[in-house]
Amino acid sequence: MIPLKYLQAYPVTLQDKVRELIAQERLGEHLARRYPGRHEVQSDKALYAYTAALKQQHLKNAPGIDKVLYDSKLDVVRNALGLHTAISRVQGGKLKAKKEIRVATLFKAAAPEFLRMIVVHELAHLKEMDHNKAFYQLCTYMLADYHQLEFDLRVYLTWRELPSTIDANPRE
């Protein structure tokens, strides 16, 4: 049985469907059919503008974001696809926290839906730090099909790690 590390929390029936697509060597085709496009957000400046626009649309009263960038070390070092941090610095006699959002570089070549899901996830951390019910309600407020996209993203990550796709990954 093929281990599906990104899908362990999902029902066995869903995992079995993914395993079947893998066995038939049709998982990549399935994903390409569902998510044929590639987004245009390629620079850190464009990612900042994209994130700021989403924040302005959905979270006007949330704290501001100081920095948004693609980070090539995220998926390797932290096993994270995105990261929200508040870096505290002393400036004069005051303590200031700078809010940063980092997105794994692998999303430069991903479908626009996957980038949006990751950015929405990280923006939700501006209001809710823990992955609790309120956090996921906020995610679905900003992106109605958040849970489906999260599942599909996990399927995409599974596909990326298949031995047959390492040399032939069409999105990289």
N, C-alpha and C. Protein backbone atom coordinates (compact mmCIF):
# COMPACT_ATOMS: atom_id res chain seq x y z
N MET A 1 0.84 -1.18 0.00
CA MET A 1 0.00 0.00 0.00
C MET A 1 0.89 1.25 0.00
N ILE A 2 0.55 2.20 -0.85
CA ILE A 2 1.31 3.43 -0.99
C ILE A 2 1.00 4.36 0.19
N PRO A 3 2.03 4.80 0.95
CA PRO A 3 1.77 5.74 2.04
C PRO A 3 1.45 7.13 1.48
N LEU A 4 0.44 7.75 2.03
CA LEU A 4 0.02 9.08 1.58
C LEU A 4 0.17 10.06 2.75
N LYS A 5 1.39 10.53 2.96
CA LYS A 5 1.68 11.33 4.16
C LYS A 5 0.88 12.63 4.25
N TYR A 6 0.50 13.20 3.12
CA TYR A 6 -0.25 14.45 3.15
C TYR A 6 -1.76 14.22 3.34
N LEU A 7 -2.18 12.97 3.22
CA LEU A 7 -3.61 12.67 3.26
C LEU A 7 -4.02 11.78 4.42
N GLN A 8 -3.13 11.59 5.38
CA GLN A 8 -3.39 10.66 6.48
C GLN A 8 -4.63 10.99 7.28
N ALA A 9 -5.00 12.25 7.40
CA ALA A 9 -6.14 12.65 8.23
C ALA A 9 -7.48 12.49 7.50
N TYR A 10 -7.44 12.14 6.22
CA TYR A 10 -8.66 12.02 5.44
C TYR A 10 -9.20 10.59 5.48
N PRO A 11 -10.50 10.42 5.19
CA PRO A 11 -11.09 9.08 5.21
C PRO A 11 -10.38 8.12 4.26
N VAL A 12 -10.38 6.86 4.64
CA VAL A 12 -9.72 5.81 3.86
C VAL A 12 -10.31 5.74 2.45
N THR A 13 -11.59 5.99 2.30
CA THR A 13 -12.21 5.93 0.96
C THR A 13 -11.58 6.95 0.02
N LEU A 14 -11.30 8.16 0.52
CA LEU A 14 -10.64 9.18 -0.32
C LEU A 14 -9.20 8.77 -0.62
N GLN A 15 -8.51 8.25 0.39
CA GLN A 15 -7.13 7.80 0.18
C GLN A 15 -7.09 6.70 -0.87
N ASP A 16 -8.05 5.79 -0.82
CA ASP A 16 -8.09 4.69 -1.79
C ASP A 16 -8.31 5.20 -3.21
N LYS A 17 -9.14 6.25 -3.37
CA LYS A 17 -9.35 6.83 -4.70
C LYS A 17 -8.05 7.43 -5.24
N VAL A 18 -7.30 8.08 -4.36
CA VAL A 18 -6.02 8.65 -4.77
C VAL A 18 -5.04 7.54 -5.13
N ARG A 19 -5.00 6.50 -4.32
CA ARG A 19 -4.11 5.35 -4.61
C ARG A 19 -4.46 4.72 -5.95
N GLU A 20 -5.75 4.64 -6.25
CA GLU A 20 -6.19 4.06 -7.53
C GLU A 20 -5.70 4.90 -8.70
N LEU A 21 -5.82 6.23 -8.58
CA LEU A 21 -5.32 7.12 -9.64
C LEU A 21 -3.80 7.00 -9.79
N ILE A 22 -3.11 6.82 -8.67
CA ILE A 22 -1.65 6.63 -8.73
C ILE A 22 -1.33 5.33 -9.45
N ALA A 23 -2.02 4.25 -9.09
CA ALA A 23 -1.77 2.94 -9.70
C ALA A 23 -2.04 2.98 -11.20
N GLN A 24 -3.03 3.75 -11.61
CA GLN A 24 -3.37 3.87 -13.03
C GLN A 24 -2.51 4.92 -13.74
N GLU A 25 -1.61 5.57 -12.98
CA GLU A 25 -0.77 6.64 -13.50
C GLU A 25 -1.60 7.76 -14.12
N ARG A 26 -2.70 8.11 -13.45
CA ARG A 26 -3.61 9.14 -13.94
C ARG A 26 -3.76 10.30 -12.96
N LEU A 27 -3.01 10.31 -11.87
CA LEU A 27 -3.17 11.37 -10.88
C LEU A 27 -2.76 12.73 -11.45
N GLY A 28 -1.65 12.80 -12.15
CA GLY A 28 -1.21 14.06 -12.76
C GLY A 28 -2.21 14.57 -13.78
N GLU A 29 -2.75 13.67 -14.58
CA GLU A 29 -3.76 14.02 -15.58
C GLU A 29 -5.03 14.56 -14.89
N HIS A 30 -5.43 13.91 -13.82
CA HIS A 30 -6.60 14.34 -13.05
C HIS A 30 -6.40 15.77 -12.51
N LEU A 31 -5.24 16.02 -11.94
CA LEU A 31 -4.94 17.35 -11.39
C LEU A 31 -4.86 18.40 -12.50
N ALA A 32 -4.24 18.06 -13.60
CA ALA A 32 -4.11 19.01 -14.72
C ALA A 32 -5.48 19.37 -15.30
N ARG A 33 -6.39 18.42 -15.30
CA ARG A 33 -7.74 18.68 -15.78
C ARG A 33 -8.50 19.61 -14.82
N ARG A 34 -8.34 19.39 -13.52
CA ARG A 34 -9.03 20.22 -12.51
C ARG A 34 -8.40 21.61 -12.38
N TYR A 35 -7.08 21.68 -12.51
CA TYR A 35 -6.35 22.94 -12.31
C TYR A 35 -5.39 23.17 -13.46
N PRO A 36 -5.93 23.57 -14.62
CA PRO A 36 -5.07 23.68 -15.82
C PRO A 36 -4.18 24.92 -15.85
N GLY A 37 -4.53 25.95 -15.11
CA GLY A 37 -3.81 27.22 -15.22
C GLY A 37 -2.62 27.34 -14.30
N ARG A 38 -1.85 28.37 -14.57
CA ARG A 38 -0.73 28.75 -13.72
C ARG A 38 -0.85 30.25 -13.46
N HIS A 39 -0.69 30.64 -12.23
CA HIS A 39 -0.88 32.05 -11.89
C HIS A 39 0.27 32.92 -12.41
N GLU A 40 0.03 34.23 -12.37
CA GLU A 40 0.99 35.21 -12.87
C GLU A 40 1.80 35.87 -11.76
N VAL A 41 1.57 35.50 -10.51
CA VAL A 41 2.22 36.15 -9.36
C VAL A 41 3.61 35.53 -9.18
N GLN A 42 4.61 36.12 -9.82
CA GLN A 42 5.93 35.49 -9.86
C GLN A 42 6.99 36.19 -9.02
N SER A 43 6.78 37.43 -8.65
CA SER A 43 7.79 38.15 -7.87
C SER A 43 7.28 38.39 -6.45
N ASP A 44 8.20 38.70 -5.56
CA ASP A 44 7.81 39.01 -4.19
C ASP A 44 6.93 40.26 -4.15
N LYS A 45 7.23 41.23 -5.01
CA LYS A 45 6.44 42.46 -5.06
C LYS A 45 5.00 42.15 -5.49
N ALA A 46 4.86 41.30 -6.50
CA ALA A 46 3.52 40.91 -6.96
C ALA A 46 2.79 40.10 -5.89
N LEU A 47 3.52 39.25 -5.18
CA LEU A 47 2.91 38.45 -4.11
C LEU A 47 2.43 39.35 -2.98
N TYR A 48 3.21 40.38 -2.66
CA TYR A 48 2.79 41.33 -1.63
C TYR A 48 1.50 42.03 -2.05
N ALA A 49 1.45 42.50 -3.29
CA ALA A 49 0.26 43.20 -3.79
C ALA A 49 -0.96 42.27 -3.80
N TYR A 50 -0.75 41.04 -4.21
CA TYR A 50 -1.82 40.03 -4.24
C TYR A 50 -2.36 39.78 -2.83
N THR A 51 -1.46 39.61 -1.87
CA THR A 51 -1.83 39.35 -0.48
C THR A 51 -2.52 40.56 0.13
N ALA A 52 -1.98 41.73 -0.12
CA ALA A 52 -2.57 42.96 0.42
C ALA A 52 -3.98 43.18 -0.11
N ALA A 53 -4.20 42.85 -1.37
CA ALA A 53 -5.54 43.00 -1.96
C ALA A 53 -6.53 42.05 -1.30
N LEU A 54 -6.11 40.81 -1.07
CA LEU A 54 -6.98 39.85 -0.38
C LEU A 54 -7.27 40.30 1.06
N LYS A 55 -6.24 40.80 1.72
CA LYS A 55 -6.41 41.29 3.09
C LYS A 55 -7.40 42.45 3.09
N GLN A 56 -7.23 43.39 2.19
CA GLN A 56 -8.11 44.55 2.12
C GLN A 56 -9.55 44.13 1.85
N GLN A 57 -9.72 43.13 1.03
CA GLN A 57 -11.06 42.67 0.67
C GLN A 57 -11.77 41.97 1.84
N HIS A 58 -11.03 41.18 2.62
CA HIS A 58 -11.66 40.33 3.63
C HIS A 58 -11.33 40.68 5.08
N LEU A 59 -10.17 41.28 5.34
CA LEU A 59 -9.72 41.50 6.71
C LEU A 59 -9.24 42.93 6.91
N LYS A 60 -10.10 43.89 6.66
CA LYS A 60 -9.71 45.30 6.73
C LYS A 60 -9.20 45.70 8.11
N ASN A 61 -9.75 45.12 9.16
CA ASN A 61 -9.38 45.52 10.52
C ASN A 61 -8.24 44.70 11.11
N ALA A 62 -7.72 43.74 10.37
CA ALA A 62 -6.60 42.93 10.86
C ALA A 62 -5.32 43.75 10.83
N PRO A 63 -4.33 43.37 11.64
CA PRO A 63 -3.05 44.09 11.61
C PRO A 63 -2.44 44.10 10.21
N GLY A 64 -1.68 45.15 9.91
CA GLY A 64 -1.04 45.26 8.61
C GLY A 64 0.06 44.23 8.42
N ILE A 65 0.43 44.04 7.17
CA ILE A 65 1.50 43.10 6.82
C ILE A 65 2.69 43.92 6.36
N ASP A 66 3.85 43.63 6.92
CA ASP A 66 5.05 44.37 6.57
C ASP A 66 5.82 43.76 5.40
N LYS A 67 5.73 42.44 5.27
CA LYS A 67 6.54 41.77 4.25
C LYS A 67 5.82 40.50 3.80
N VAL A 68 5.84 40.24 2.49
CA VAL A 68 5.31 39.00 1.92
C VAL A 68 6.30 38.58 0.86
N LEU A 69 6.74 37.33 0.93
CA LEU A 69 7.72 36.87 -0.05
C LEU A 69 7.68 35.37 -0.25
N TYR A 70 8.24 34.95 -1.38
CA TYR A 70 8.44 33.52 -1.64
C TYR A 70 9.70 33.10 -0.90
N ASP A 71 9.67 31.93 -0.29
CA ASP A 71 10.81 31.44 0.48
C ASP A 71 11.16 30.03 0.00
N SER A 72 12.35 29.89 -0.56
CA SER A 72 12.77 28.61 -1.12
C SER A 72 13.09 27.57 -0.06
N LYS A 73 13.26 27.98 1.18
CA LYS A 73 13.63 27.04 2.24
C LYS A 73 12.43 26.50 3.01
N LEU A 74 11.25 27.05 2.79
CA LEU A 74 10.10 26.68 3.62
C LEU A 74 9.74 25.22 3.59
N ASP A 75 9.51 24.66 2.41
CA ASP A 75 9.03 23.28 2.37
C ASP A 75 10.11 22.30 2.81
N VAL A 76 11.37 22.67 2.72
CA VAL A 76 12.46 21.79 3.11
C VAL A 76 12.74 21.87 4.61
N VAL A 77 12.87 23.07 5.12
CA VAL A 77 13.30 23.26 6.50
C VAL A 77 12.17 23.03 7.50
N ARG A 78 11.03 23.59 7.26
CA ARG A 78 9.96 23.58 8.25
C ARG A 78 8.81 22.64 7.93
N ASN A 79 8.86 21.94 6.80
CA ASN A 79 7.74 21.14 6.34
C ASN A 79 6.46 21.99 6.32
N ALA A 80 6.61 23.23 5.92
CA ALA A 80 5.49 24.16 5.85
C ALA A 80 5.39 24.69 4.43
N LEU A 81 4.19 25.04 4.03
CA LEU A 81 3.97 25.58 2.70
C LEU A 81 3.84 27.10 2.74
N GLY A 82 3.51 27.58 3.90
CA GLY A 82 3.42 29.00 4.13
C GLY A 82 3.74 29.25 5.59
N LEU A 83 4.10 30.48 5.91
CA LEU A 83 4.48 30.78 7.28
C LEU A 83 4.09 32.21 7.60
N HIS A 84 3.46 32.39 8.73
CA HIS A 84 3.10 33.72 9.22
C HIS A 84 3.91 33.96 10.47
N THR A 85 4.67 35.04 10.51
CA THR A 85 5.48 35.33 11.69
C THR A 85 5.31 36.78 12.11
N ALA A 86 5.55 37.01 13.38
CA ALA A 86 5.60 38.36 13.91
C ALA A 86 6.98 38.50 14.55
N ILE A 87 7.82 39.30 13.95
CA ILE A 87 9.18 39.48 14.45
C ILE A 87 9.21 40.75 15.30
N SER A 88 9.55 40.60 16.57
CA SER A 88 9.58 41.74 17.49
C SER A 88 10.96 42.37 17.47
N ARG A 89 10.96 43.71 17.39
CA ARG A 89 12.22 44.46 17.40
C ARG A 89 12.05 45.67 18.30
N VAL A 90 13.12 46.04 18.95
CA VAL A 90 13.10 47.25 19.77
C VAL A 90 13.51 48.41 18.87
N GLN A 91 12.65 49.43 18.82
CA GLN A 91 12.96 50.63 18.04
C GLN A 91 12.78 51.82 18.97
N GLY A 92 13.89 52.40 19.36
CA GLY A 92 13.85 53.47 20.36
C GLY A 92 13.43 52.88 21.69
N GLY A 93 12.41 53.41 22.29
CA GLY A 93 11.92 52.87 23.56
C GLY A 93 10.71 51.97 23.38
N LYS A 94 10.38 51.62 22.13
CA LYS A 94 9.17 50.83 21.87
C LYS A 94 9.51 49.46 21.29
N LEU A 95 8.64 48.53 21.57
CA LEU A 95 8.74 47.20 20.99
C LEU A 95 7.76 47.12 19.83
N LYS A 96 8.25 46.86 18.64
CA LYS A 96 7.40 46.79 17.45
C LYS A 96 7.45 45.38 16.87
N ALA A 97 6.30 44.90 16.43
CA ALA A 97 6.21 43.58 15.80
C ALA A 97 5.97 43.76 14.31
N LYS A 98 6.83 43.17 13.51
CA LYS A 98 6.67 43.20 12.06
C LYS A 98 6.03 41.89 11.63
N LYS A 99 4.92 41.99 10.90
CA LYS A 99 4.19 40.81 10.42
C LYS A 99 4.73 40.42 9.06
N GLU A 100 5.09 39.14 8.93
CA GLU A 100 5.61 38.63 7.67
C GLU A 100 4.83 37.39 7.26
N ILE A 101 4.63 37.25 5.96
CA ILE A 101 4.06 36.04 5.39
C ILE A 101 5.06 35.52 4.37
N ARG A 102 5.42 34.27 4.53
CA ARG A 102 6.32 33.62 3.58
C ARG A 102 5.58 32.45 2.94
N VAL A 103 5.72 32.34 1.63
CA VAL A 103 5.05 31.29 0.86
C VAL A 103 6.12 30.44 0.19
N ALA A 104 5.99 29.13 0.29
CA ALA A 104 6.97 28.23 -0.32
C ALA A 104 7.10 28.51 -1.81
N THR A 105 8.31 28.51 -2.30
CA THR A 105 8.61 28.82 -3.70
C THR A 105 7.91 27.88 -4.67
N LEU A 106 7.62 26.65 -4.24
CA LEU A 106 6.96 25.71 -5.13
C LEU A 106 5.63 26.26 -5.64
N PHE A 107 5.05 27.25 -4.96
CA PHE A 107 3.79 27.82 -5.41
C PHE A 107 3.93 28.83 -6.54
N LYS A 108 5.16 29.16 -6.91
CA LYS A 108 5.35 30.00 -8.09
C LYS A 108 4.84 29.28 -9.34
N ALA A 109 4.92 27.96 -9.34
CA ALA A 109 4.53 27.17 -10.51
C ALA A 109 3.19 26.47 -10.31
N ALA A 110 2.45 26.85 -9.29
CA ALA A 110 1.20 26.16 -8.98
C ALA A 110 0.00 26.84 -9.63
N ALA A 111 -1.12 26.15 -9.54
CA ALA A 111 -2.39 26.71 -10.03
C ALA A 111 -2.77 27.92 -9.17
N PRO A 112 -3.46 28.89 -9.75
CA PRO A 112 -3.84 30.07 -8.98
C PRO A 112 -4.70 29.74 -7.76
N GLU A 113 -5.50 28.69 -7.86
CA GLU A 113 -6.35 28.30 -6.73
C GLU A 113 -5.51 27.88 -5.53
N PHE A 114 -4.38 27.20 -5.78
CA PHE A 114 -3.52 26.74 -4.69
C PHE A 114 -2.81 27.92 -4.01
N LEU A 115 -2.34 28.87 -4.82
CA LEU A 115 -1.71 30.06 -4.24
C LEU A 115 -2.71 30.82 -3.38
N ARG A 116 -3.90 30.99 -3.89
CA ARG A 116 -4.93 31.71 -3.13
C ARG A 116 -5.23 31.00 -1.81
N MET A 117 -5.31 29.67 -1.84
CA MET A 117 -5.59 28.92 -0.62
C MET A 117 -4.51 29.12 0.42
N ILE A 118 -3.25 29.09 0.00
CA ILE A 118 -2.13 29.28 0.94
C ILE A 118 -2.14 30.70 1.50
N VAL A 119 -2.37 31.69 0.66
CA VAL A 119 -2.39 33.09 1.13
C VAL A 119 -3.55 33.30 2.09
N VAL A 120 -4.72 32.76 1.77
CA VAL A 120 -5.88 32.87 2.66
C VAL A 120 -5.55 32.22 4.01
N HIS A 121 -4.92 31.06 3.99
CA HIS A 121 -4.54 30.36 5.21
C HIS A 121 -3.63 31.25 6.08
N GLU A 122 -2.63 31.83 5.46
CA GLU A 122 -1.69 32.67 6.22
C GLU A 122 -2.34 33.97 6.69
N LEU A 123 -3.22 34.54 5.88
CA LEU A 123 -3.93 35.75 6.31
C LEU A 123 -4.83 35.45 7.51
N ALA A 124 -5.44 34.29 7.53
CA ALA A 124 -6.32 33.93 8.65
C ALA A 124 -5.54 33.93 9.97
N HIS A 125 -4.25 33.66 9.89
CA HIS A 125 -3.42 33.67 11.11
C HIS A 125 -3.25 35.09 11.68
N LEU A 126 -3.57 36.12 10.92
CA LEU A 126 -3.52 37.48 11.46
C LEU A 126 -4.56 37.64 12.57
N LYS A 127 -5.66 36.92 12.46
CA LYS A 127 -6.73 37.01 13.47
C LYS A 127 -6.77 35.81 14.40
N GLU A 128 -6.47 34.63 13.90
CA GLU A 128 -6.53 33.40 14.69
C GLU A 128 -5.19 32.67 14.56
N MET A 129 -4.48 32.56 15.65
CA MET A 129 -3.16 31.92 15.60
C MET A 129 -3.24 30.40 15.51
N ASP A 130 -4.23 29.80 16.17
CA ASP A 130 -4.34 28.33 16.19
C ASP A 130 -5.23 27.84 15.06
N HIS A 131 -5.01 26.58 14.69
CA HIS A 131 -5.87 25.93 13.69
C HIS A 131 -7.10 25.38 14.41
N ASN A 132 -8.01 26.26 14.75
CA ASN A 132 -9.21 25.85 15.47
C ASN A 132 -10.44 26.13 14.60
N LYS A 133 -11.61 25.93 15.18
CA LYS A 133 -12.84 26.11 14.42
C LYS A 133 -12.97 27.54 13.88
N ALA A 134 -12.66 28.53 14.70
CA ALA A 134 -12.75 29.92 14.27
C ALA A 134 -11.79 30.20 13.11
N PHE A 135 -10.60 29.59 13.16
CA PHE A 135 -9.62 29.76 12.09
C PHE A 135 -10.18 29.25 10.76
N TYR A 136 -10.72 28.04 10.76
CA TYR A 136 -11.24 27.46 9.52
C TYR A 136 -12.52 28.15 9.05
N GLN A 137 -13.30 28.69 9.97
CA GLN A 137 -14.46 29.50 9.57
C GLN A 137 -14.00 30.76 8.85
N LEU A 138 -12.93 31.36 9.34
CA LEU A 138 -12.37 32.54 8.70
C LEU A 138 -11.83 32.19 7.31
N CYS A 139 -11.17 31.05 7.19
CA CYS A 139 -10.66 30.61 5.88
C CYS A 139 -11.81 30.44 4.88
N THR A 140 -12.90 29.80 5.31
CA THR A 140 -14.03 29.58 4.40
C THR A 140 -14.80 30.87 4.13
N TYR A 141 -14.72 31.83 5.05
CA TYR A 141 -15.29 33.15 4.78
C TYR A 141 -14.54 33.82 3.62
N MET A 142 -13.23 33.70 3.63
CA MET A 142 -12.41 34.33 2.58
C MET A 142 -12.39 33.52 1.29
N LEU A 143 -12.59 32.21 1.40
CA LEU A 143 -12.50 31.31 0.25
C LEU A 143 -13.49 30.17 0.48
N ALA A 144 -14.65 30.26 -0.14
CA ALA A 144 -15.75 29.33 0.15
C ALA A 144 -15.35 27.86 -0.01
N ASP A 145 -14.56 27.53 -1.03
CA ASP A 145 -14.18 26.13 -1.25
C ASP A 145 -12.80 25.81 -0.65
N TYR A 146 -12.47 26.48 0.44
CA TYR A 146 -11.17 26.30 1.09
C TYR A 146 -10.85 24.84 1.38
N HIS A 147 -11.79 24.11 1.96
CA HIS A 147 -11.50 22.72 2.36
C HIS A 147 -11.24 21.82 1.16
N GLN A 148 -11.99 22.01 0.08
CA GLN A 148 -11.74 21.23 -1.13
C GLN A 148 -10.38 21.56 -1.72
N LEU A 149 -10.03 22.83 -1.73
CA LEU A 149 -8.72 23.24 -2.25
C LEU A 149 -7.58 22.71 -1.38
N GLU A 150 -7.79 22.69 -0.07
CA GLU A 150 -6.75 22.14 0.80
C GLU A 150 -6.54 20.66 0.51
N PHE A 151 -7.63 19.92 0.32
CA PHE A 151 -7.51 18.50 -0.01
C PHE A 151 -6.79 18.33 -1.36
N ASP A 152 -7.24 19.08 -2.37
CA ASP A 152 -6.62 18.97 -3.69
C ASP A 152 -5.16 19.37 -3.67
N LEU A 153 -4.82 20.36 -2.86
CA LEU A 153 -3.42 20.74 -2.71
C LEU A 153 -2.60 19.59 -2.13
N ARG A 154 -3.17 18.91 -1.15
CA ARG A 154 -2.49 17.76 -0.56
C ARG A 154 -2.33 16.64 -1.59
N VAL A 155 -3.30 16.47 -2.45
CA VAL A 155 -3.19 15.48 -3.54
C VAL A 155 -2.07 15.91 -4.49
N TYR A 156 -2.01 17.21 -4.80
CA TYR A 156 -0.96 17.74 -5.67
C TYR A 156 0.43 17.49 -5.07
N LEU A 157 0.57 17.73 -3.77
CA LEU A 157 1.85 17.49 -3.10
C LEU A 157 2.21 16.01 -3.13
N THR A 158 1.22 15.16 -2.99
CA THR A 158 1.44 13.71 -3.09
C THR A 158 1.96 13.38 -4.48
N TRP A 159 1.30 13.92 -5.50
CA TRP A 159 1.70 13.66 -6.88
C TRP A 159 3.12 14.14 -7.15
N ARG A 160 3.48 15.32 -6.62
CA ARG A 160 4.82 15.87 -6.84
C ARG A 160 5.91 14.94 -6.33
N GLU A 161 5.61 14.18 -5.28
CA GLU A 161 6.63 13.32 -4.68
C GLU A 161 6.65 11.91 -5.25
N LEU A 162 5.78 11.61 -6.19
CA LEU A 162 5.80 10.28 -6.80
C LEU A 162 7.07 10.12 -7.61
N PRO A 163 7.70 8.95 -7.55
CA PRO A 163 8.95 8.74 -8.29
C PRO A 163 8.81 9.02 -9.79
N SER A 164 7.67 8.73 -10.36
CA SER A 164 7.49 8.92 -11.80
C SER A 164 7.36 10.38 -12.20
N THR A 165 7.11 11.28 -11.23
CA THR A 165 6.93 12.69 -11.58
C THR A 165 8.13 13.55 -11.24
N ILE A 166 9.12 13.00 -10.59
CA ILE A 166 10.27 13.82 -10.19
C ILE A 166 10.99 14.40 -11.41
N ASP A 167 11.11 13.63 -12.47
CA ASP A 167 11.79 14.11 -13.68
C ASP A 167 10.84 14.78 -14.67
N ALA A 168 9.54 14.54 -14.50
CA ALA A 168 8.58 15.02 -15.50
C ALA A 168 7.49 15.87 -14.88
N ASN A 169 7.84 16.75 -13.96
CA ASN A 169 6.84 17.59 -13.32
C ASN A 169 6.49 18.74 -14.24
N PRO A 170 5.25 18.78 -14.78
CA PRO A 170 4.90 19.77 -15.80
C PRO A 170 4.80 21.20 -15.27
N ARG A 171 4.71 21.41 -13.97
CA ARG A 171 4.55 22.76 -13.45
C ARG A 171 5.87 23.34 -12.96
N GLU A 172 6.96 22.68 -13.13
CA GLU A 172 8.23 23.25 -12.66
C GLU A 172 9.15 23.52 -13.81
